[in-house]
Amino acid sequence: MGVALGYATLAYHSLGIGLSKLELNEEALAADLDGAREVLAEPIQTVMRRYGVQGAYEKLKEVTRGKSVRPEDLQALIRSLEIPQEEKDRLLAMTPASYIGKAADLARRV
């Protein structure tokens, strides 16, 4: 038992040293996140459902399913929706980095 505990302690110590050497590449992370436009499908669909847009899921699926999601396609979809202009403006201004959904509210609950 002592040998196993000793090896585990050594492993945790080595892990800490290895993790302390890691560096965050913020530019690469930001670029990767900006390229993930499919993240915006959730708020778009939520707004569409809030305002009773018929076939919300299907309309969004045409733009996002099985292909690379381009910002122009999402913007065209948002502009074509029959929702209040202020909601369109809010959705058009949204980026994957600025959209956190309910994460902040959920984090406060814990």
N, C-alpha and C. Protein backbone atom coordinates (compact mmCIF):
# COMPACT_ATOMS: atom_id res chain seq x y z
N MET A 1 0.83 -1.19 0.00
CA MET A 1 0.00 0.00 0.00
C MET A 1 0.88 1.25 0.00
N GLY A 2 1.96 1.23 0.76
CA GLY A 2 2.85 2.38 0.82
C GLY A 2 3.51 2.69 -0.50
N VAL A 3 3.88 1.63 -1.24
CA VAL A 3 4.52 1.83 -2.55
C VAL A 3 3.53 2.50 -3.51
N ALA A 4 2.30 2.02 -3.53
CA ALA A 4 1.28 2.59 -4.41
C ALA A 4 1.02 4.05 -4.06
N LEU A 5 0.94 4.35 -2.79
CA LEU A 5 0.72 5.73 -2.35
C LEU A 5 1.90 6.61 -2.74
N GLY A 6 3.10 6.08 -2.61
CA GLY A 6 4.30 6.83 -3.00
C GLY A 6 4.32 7.14 -4.49
N TYR A 7 3.98 6.14 -5.31
CA TYR A 7 3.94 6.36 -6.76
C TYR A 7 2.84 7.36 -7.13
N ALA A 8 1.71 7.26 -6.45
CA ALA A 8 0.61 8.19 -6.73
C ALA A 8 1.02 9.62 -6.37
N THR A 9 1.70 9.79 -5.25
CA THR A 9 2.16 11.12 -4.83
C THR A 9 3.16 11.68 -5.83
N LEU A 10 4.08 10.84 -6.27
CA LEU A 10 5.07 11.25 -7.27
C LEU A 10 4.38 11.63 -8.59
N ALA A 11 3.38 10.85 -8.98
CA ALA A 11 2.64 11.13 -10.22
C ALA A 11 1.91 12.46 -10.13
N TYR A 12 1.25 12.74 -9.02
CA TYR A 12 0.53 14.01 -8.86
C TYR A 12 1.50 15.19 -8.88
N HIS A 13 2.63 15.01 -8.25
CA HIS A 13 3.65 16.06 -8.24
C HIS A 13 4.16 16.33 -9.66
N SER A 14 4.45 15.26 -10.40
CA SER A 14 4.92 15.40 -11.77
C SER A 14 3.85 16.03 -12.67
N LEU A 15 2.61 15.66 -12.43
CA LEU A 15 1.49 16.24 -13.18
C LEU A 15 1.42 17.75 -12.94
N GLY A 16 1.57 18.16 -11.70
CA GLY A 16 1.56 19.59 -11.38
C GLY A 16 2.68 20.34 -12.08
N ILE A 17 3.85 19.75 -12.12
CA ILE A 17 4.98 20.39 -12.82
C ILE A 17 4.68 20.49 -14.31
N GLY A 18 4.16 19.42 -14.90
CA GLY A 18 3.84 19.43 -16.33
C GLY A 18 2.77 20.44 -16.67
N LEU A 19 1.72 20.52 -15.86
CA LEU A 19 0.64 21.47 -16.12
C LEU A 19 1.10 22.91 -15.97
N SER A 20 2.04 23.15 -15.08
CA SER A 20 2.53 24.52 -14.90
C SER A 20 3.33 25.02 -16.10
N LYS A 21 3.77 24.11 -16.94
CA LYS A 21 4.54 24.49 -18.14
C LYS A 21 3.65 24.81 -19.34
N LEU A 22 2.37 24.50 -19.24
CA LEU A 22 1.47 24.77 -20.36
C LEU A 22 1.21 26.26 -20.49
N GLU A 23 1.08 26.71 -21.74
CA GLU A 23 0.76 28.10 -22.02
C GLU A 23 -0.50 28.16 -22.87
N LEU A 24 -1.31 29.14 -22.59
CA LEU A 24 -2.56 29.32 -23.31
C LEU A 24 -2.31 30.15 -24.56
N ASN A 25 -2.76 29.66 -25.70
CA ASN A 25 -2.66 30.41 -26.95
C ASN A 25 -4.01 31.06 -27.20
N GLU A 26 -4.17 32.28 -26.68
CA GLU A 26 -5.47 32.96 -26.74
C GLU A 26 -5.89 33.27 -28.17
N GLU A 27 -4.95 33.58 -29.04
CA GLU A 27 -5.30 33.88 -30.43
C GLU A 27 -5.89 32.65 -31.12
N ALA A 28 -5.27 31.51 -30.92
CA ALA A 28 -5.77 30.28 -31.53
C ALA A 28 -7.14 29.91 -30.98
N LEU A 29 -7.33 30.07 -29.67
CA LEU A 29 -8.63 29.78 -29.06
C LEU A 29 -9.71 30.71 -29.59
N ALA A 30 -9.39 32.00 -29.71
CA ALA A 30 -10.37 32.97 -30.21
C ALA A 30 -10.73 32.67 -31.66
N ALA A 31 -9.72 32.33 -32.47
CA ALA A 31 -9.98 32.01 -33.88
C ALA A 31 -10.82 30.74 -34.00
N ASP A 32 -10.53 29.75 -33.19
CA ASP A 32 -11.29 28.51 -33.21
C ASP A 32 -12.74 28.74 -32.80
N LEU A 33 -12.93 29.53 -31.76
CA LEU A 33 -14.29 29.84 -31.31
C LEU A 33 -15.05 30.65 -32.34
N ASP A 34 -14.39 31.62 -32.96
CA ASP A 34 -15.05 32.44 -33.98
C ASP A 34 -15.46 31.61 -35.18
N GLY A 35 -14.72 30.55 -35.45
CA GLY A 35 -15.06 29.67 -36.57
C GLY A 35 -16.20 28.72 -36.27
N ALA A 36 -16.64 28.66 -35.03
CA ALA A 36 -17.70 27.74 -34.62
C ALA A 36 -19.05 28.46 -34.61
N ARG A 37 -19.48 28.90 -35.76
CA ARG A 37 -20.74 29.65 -35.86
C ARG A 37 -21.97 28.82 -35.50
N GLU A 38 -21.83 27.50 -35.52
CA GLU A 38 -22.96 26.66 -35.16
C GLU A 38 -23.40 26.86 -33.72
N VAL A 39 -22.54 27.45 -32.91
CA VAL A 39 -22.88 27.78 -31.52
C VAL A 39 -24.08 28.73 -31.49
N LEU A 40 -24.21 29.57 -32.50
CA LEU A 40 -25.28 30.56 -32.53
C LEU A 40 -26.63 29.98 -32.93
N ALA A 41 -26.66 28.71 -33.30
CA ALA A 41 -27.93 28.08 -33.66
C ALA A 41 -28.88 28.06 -32.47
N GLU A 42 -28.35 27.86 -31.28
CA GLU A 42 -29.21 27.79 -30.08
C GLU A 42 -29.96 29.10 -29.82
N PRO A 43 -29.27 30.25 -29.73
CA PRO A 43 -30.04 31.47 -29.48
C PRO A 43 -30.99 31.83 -30.62
N ILE A 44 -30.59 31.54 -31.84
CA ILE A 44 -31.47 31.84 -32.98
C ILE A 44 -32.74 31.01 -32.88
N GLN A 45 -32.59 29.72 -32.62
CA GLN A 45 -33.77 28.86 -32.51
C GLN A 45 -34.63 29.25 -31.31
N THR A 46 -34.02 29.64 -30.21
CA THR A 46 -34.77 30.06 -29.03
C THR A 46 -35.62 31.28 -29.33
N VAL A 47 -35.05 32.27 -30.01
CA VAL A 47 -35.80 33.48 -30.36
C VAL A 47 -36.91 33.14 -31.35
N MET A 48 -36.60 32.28 -32.32
CA MET A 48 -37.63 31.89 -33.29
C MET A 48 -38.82 31.23 -32.60
N ARG A 49 -38.54 30.38 -31.65
CA ARG A 49 -39.64 29.70 -30.94
C ARG A 49 -40.39 30.67 -30.04
N ARG A 50 -39.68 31.63 -29.43
CA ARG A 50 -40.33 32.61 -28.57
C ARG A 50 -41.37 33.40 -29.34
N TYR A 51 -41.07 33.73 -30.60
CA TYR A 51 -41.99 34.54 -31.41
C TYR A 51 -42.87 33.69 -32.32
N GLY A 52 -42.90 32.39 -32.08
CA GLY A 52 -43.83 31.51 -32.79
C GLY A 52 -43.53 31.32 -34.26
N VAL A 53 -42.28 31.40 -34.65
CA VAL A 53 -41.92 31.17 -36.05
C VAL A 53 -42.16 29.70 -36.38
N GLN A 54 -42.99 29.45 -37.36
CA GLN A 54 -43.31 28.08 -37.75
C GLN A 54 -42.10 27.42 -38.40
N GLY A 55 -41.84 26.17 -38.02
CA GLY A 55 -40.75 25.41 -38.61
C GLY A 55 -39.38 25.94 -38.24
N ALA A 56 -39.25 26.43 -37.01
CA ALA A 56 -37.99 27.03 -36.57
C ALA A 56 -36.82 26.06 -36.73
N TYR A 57 -37.00 24.84 -36.28
CA TYR A 57 -35.94 23.85 -36.35
C TYR A 57 -35.56 23.55 -37.79
N GLU A 58 -36.54 23.40 -38.65
CA GLU A 58 -36.28 23.06 -40.04
C GLU A 58 -35.55 24.20 -40.77
N LYS A 59 -35.96 25.44 -40.50
CA LYS A 59 -35.30 26.58 -41.14
C LYS A 59 -33.83 26.66 -40.72
N LEU A 60 -33.59 26.43 -39.46
CA LEU A 60 -32.21 26.47 -38.96
C LEU A 60 -31.41 25.29 -39.49
N LYS A 61 -32.06 24.15 -39.61
CA LYS A 61 -31.39 22.95 -40.10
C LYS A 61 -30.89 23.14 -41.53
N GLU A 62 -31.65 23.86 -42.35
CA GLU A 62 -31.23 24.12 -43.74
C GLU A 62 -29.90 24.86 -43.80
N VAL A 63 -29.65 25.72 -42.83
CA VAL A 63 -28.45 26.55 -42.82
C VAL A 63 -27.28 25.84 -42.13
N THR A 64 -27.58 25.00 -41.14
CA THR A 64 -26.50 24.47 -40.31
C THR A 64 -26.17 23.00 -40.51
N ARG A 65 -27.06 22.21 -41.04
CA ARG A 65 -26.87 20.76 -41.07
C ARG A 65 -25.95 20.32 -42.19
N GLY A 66 -24.91 19.58 -41.82
CA GLY A 66 -24.06 18.91 -42.79
C GLY A 66 -23.13 19.77 -43.61
N LYS A 67 -22.92 21.01 -43.21
CA LYS A 67 -22.00 21.86 -43.95
C LYS A 67 -21.40 22.89 -43.01
N SER A 68 -20.38 23.55 -43.49
CA SER A 68 -19.75 24.60 -42.71
C SER A 68 -20.71 25.79 -42.60
N VAL A 69 -20.89 26.27 -41.39
CA VAL A 69 -21.84 27.36 -41.16
C VAL A 69 -21.12 28.68 -41.43
N ARG A 70 -21.61 29.38 -42.43
CA ARG A 70 -21.01 30.68 -42.78
C ARG A 70 -21.81 31.81 -42.13
N PRO A 71 -21.09 32.86 -41.68
CA PRO A 71 -21.79 33.99 -41.06
C PRO A 71 -22.85 34.59 -41.99
N GLU A 72 -22.57 34.64 -43.28
CA GLU A 72 -23.52 35.23 -44.23
C GLU A 72 -24.84 34.46 -44.26
N ASP A 73 -24.75 33.13 -44.16
CA ASP A 73 -25.96 32.32 -44.17
C ASP A 73 -26.81 32.56 -42.93
N LEU A 74 -26.16 32.65 -41.78
CA LEU A 74 -26.90 32.93 -40.55
C LEU A 74 -27.52 34.32 -40.59
N GLN A 75 -26.78 35.29 -41.10
CA GLN A 75 -27.31 36.65 -41.19
C GLN A 75 -28.50 36.72 -42.12
N ALA A 76 -28.42 36.01 -43.25
CA ALA A 76 -29.55 35.99 -44.19
C ALA A 76 -30.78 35.36 -43.54
N LEU A 77 -30.58 34.29 -42.79
CA LEU A 77 -31.69 33.65 -42.09
C LEU A 77 -32.31 34.61 -41.08
N ILE A 78 -31.48 35.26 -40.29
CA ILE A 78 -31.98 36.18 -39.27
C ILE A 78 -32.76 37.32 -39.91
N ARG A 79 -32.25 37.87 -40.99
CA ARG A 79 -32.93 38.99 -41.66
C ARG A 79 -34.27 38.57 -42.25
N SER A 80 -34.40 37.30 -42.62
CA SER A 80 -35.64 36.82 -43.24
C SER A 80 -36.73 36.49 -42.22
N LEU A 81 -36.38 36.45 -40.95
CA LEU A 81 -37.35 36.05 -39.93
C LEU A 81 -38.37 37.15 -39.65
N GLU A 82 -39.56 36.72 -39.32
CA GLU A 82 -40.62 37.66 -38.95
C GLU A 82 -40.64 37.78 -37.43
N ILE A 83 -39.66 38.52 -36.93
CA ILE A 83 -39.52 38.79 -35.51
C ILE A 83 -39.24 40.28 -35.36
N PRO A 84 -39.39 40.84 -34.16
CA PRO A 84 -39.12 42.27 -33.98
C PRO A 84 -37.69 42.64 -34.40
N GLN A 85 -37.55 43.86 -34.94
CA GLN A 85 -36.25 44.32 -35.44
C GLN A 85 -35.18 44.34 -34.34
N GLU A 86 -35.58 44.68 -33.12
CA GLU A 86 -34.59 44.72 -32.04
C GLU A 86 -34.00 43.33 -31.77
N GLU A 87 -34.82 42.29 -31.92
CA GLU A 87 -34.32 40.92 -31.76
C GLU A 87 -33.39 40.56 -32.92
N LYS A 88 -33.75 40.98 -34.12
CA LYS A 88 -32.87 40.74 -35.26
C LYS A 88 -31.52 41.41 -35.05
N ASP A 89 -31.54 42.66 -34.59
CA ASP A 89 -30.30 43.39 -34.35
C ASP A 89 -29.45 42.71 -33.29
N ARG A 90 -30.11 42.23 -32.23
CA ARG A 90 -29.38 41.54 -31.16
C ARG A 90 -28.74 40.26 -31.67
N LEU A 91 -29.49 39.48 -32.46
CA LEU A 91 -28.95 38.24 -33.01
C LEU A 91 -27.83 38.51 -34.01
N LEU A 92 -27.99 39.55 -34.82
CA LEU A 92 -26.95 39.88 -35.81
C LEU A 92 -25.66 40.32 -35.15
N ALA A 93 -25.76 40.95 -34.00
CA ALA A 93 -24.57 41.44 -33.30
C ALA A 93 -23.88 40.33 -32.50
N MET A 94 -24.55 39.24 -32.30
CA MET A 94 -24.03 38.16 -31.47
C MET A 94 -22.90 37.40 -32.17
N THR A 95 -21.90 37.05 -31.42
CA THR A 95 -20.80 36.21 -31.92
C THR A 95 -20.68 34.99 -31.03
N PRO A 96 -20.00 33.95 -31.49
CA PRO A 96 -19.82 32.78 -30.61
C PRO A 96 -19.14 33.15 -29.29
N ALA A 97 -18.24 34.11 -29.31
CA ALA A 97 -17.54 34.50 -28.09
C ALA A 97 -18.45 35.29 -27.14
N SER A 98 -19.41 36.02 -27.69
CA SER A 98 -20.26 36.84 -26.82
C SER A 98 -21.49 36.08 -26.31
N TYR A 99 -21.80 34.94 -26.91
CA TYR A 99 -22.98 34.19 -26.49
C TYR A 99 -22.60 33.19 -25.41
N ILE A 100 -23.17 33.36 -24.24
CA ILE A 100 -22.93 32.41 -23.16
C ILE A 100 -24.22 31.77 -22.68
N GLY A 101 -25.33 32.13 -23.28
CA GLY A 101 -26.60 31.52 -22.91
C GLY A 101 -26.91 31.75 -21.44
N LYS A 102 -27.31 30.71 -20.77
CA LYS A 102 -27.66 30.78 -19.36
C LYS A 102 -26.51 30.33 -18.47
N ALA A 103 -25.31 30.26 -19.01
CA ALA A 103 -24.16 29.76 -18.25
C ALA A 103 -23.92 30.56 -16.97
N ALA A 104 -23.99 31.88 -17.05
CA ALA A 104 -23.74 32.71 -15.87
C ALA A 104 -24.80 32.47 -14.80
N ASP A 105 -26.06 32.37 -15.20
CA ASP A 105 -27.13 32.11 -14.23
C ASP A 105 -26.96 30.73 -13.59
N LEU A 106 -26.64 29.73 -14.40
CA LEU A 106 -26.47 28.39 -13.87
C LEU A 106 -25.26 28.30 -12.93
N ALA A 107 -24.21 29.01 -13.26
CA ALA A 107 -23.01 29.00 -12.42
C ALA A 107 -23.29 29.62 -11.06
N ARG A 108 -24.14 30.63 -11.01
CA ARG A 108 -24.47 31.27 -9.73
C ARG A 108 -25.32 30.38 -8.84
N ARG A 109 -26.05 29.46 -9.42
CA ARG A 109 -26.91 28.57 -8.65
C ARG A 109 -26.11 27.56 -7.84
N VAL A 110 -24.95 27.22 -8.33
CA VAL A 110 -24.15 26.16 -7.69
C VAL A 110 -23.44 26.64 -6.48
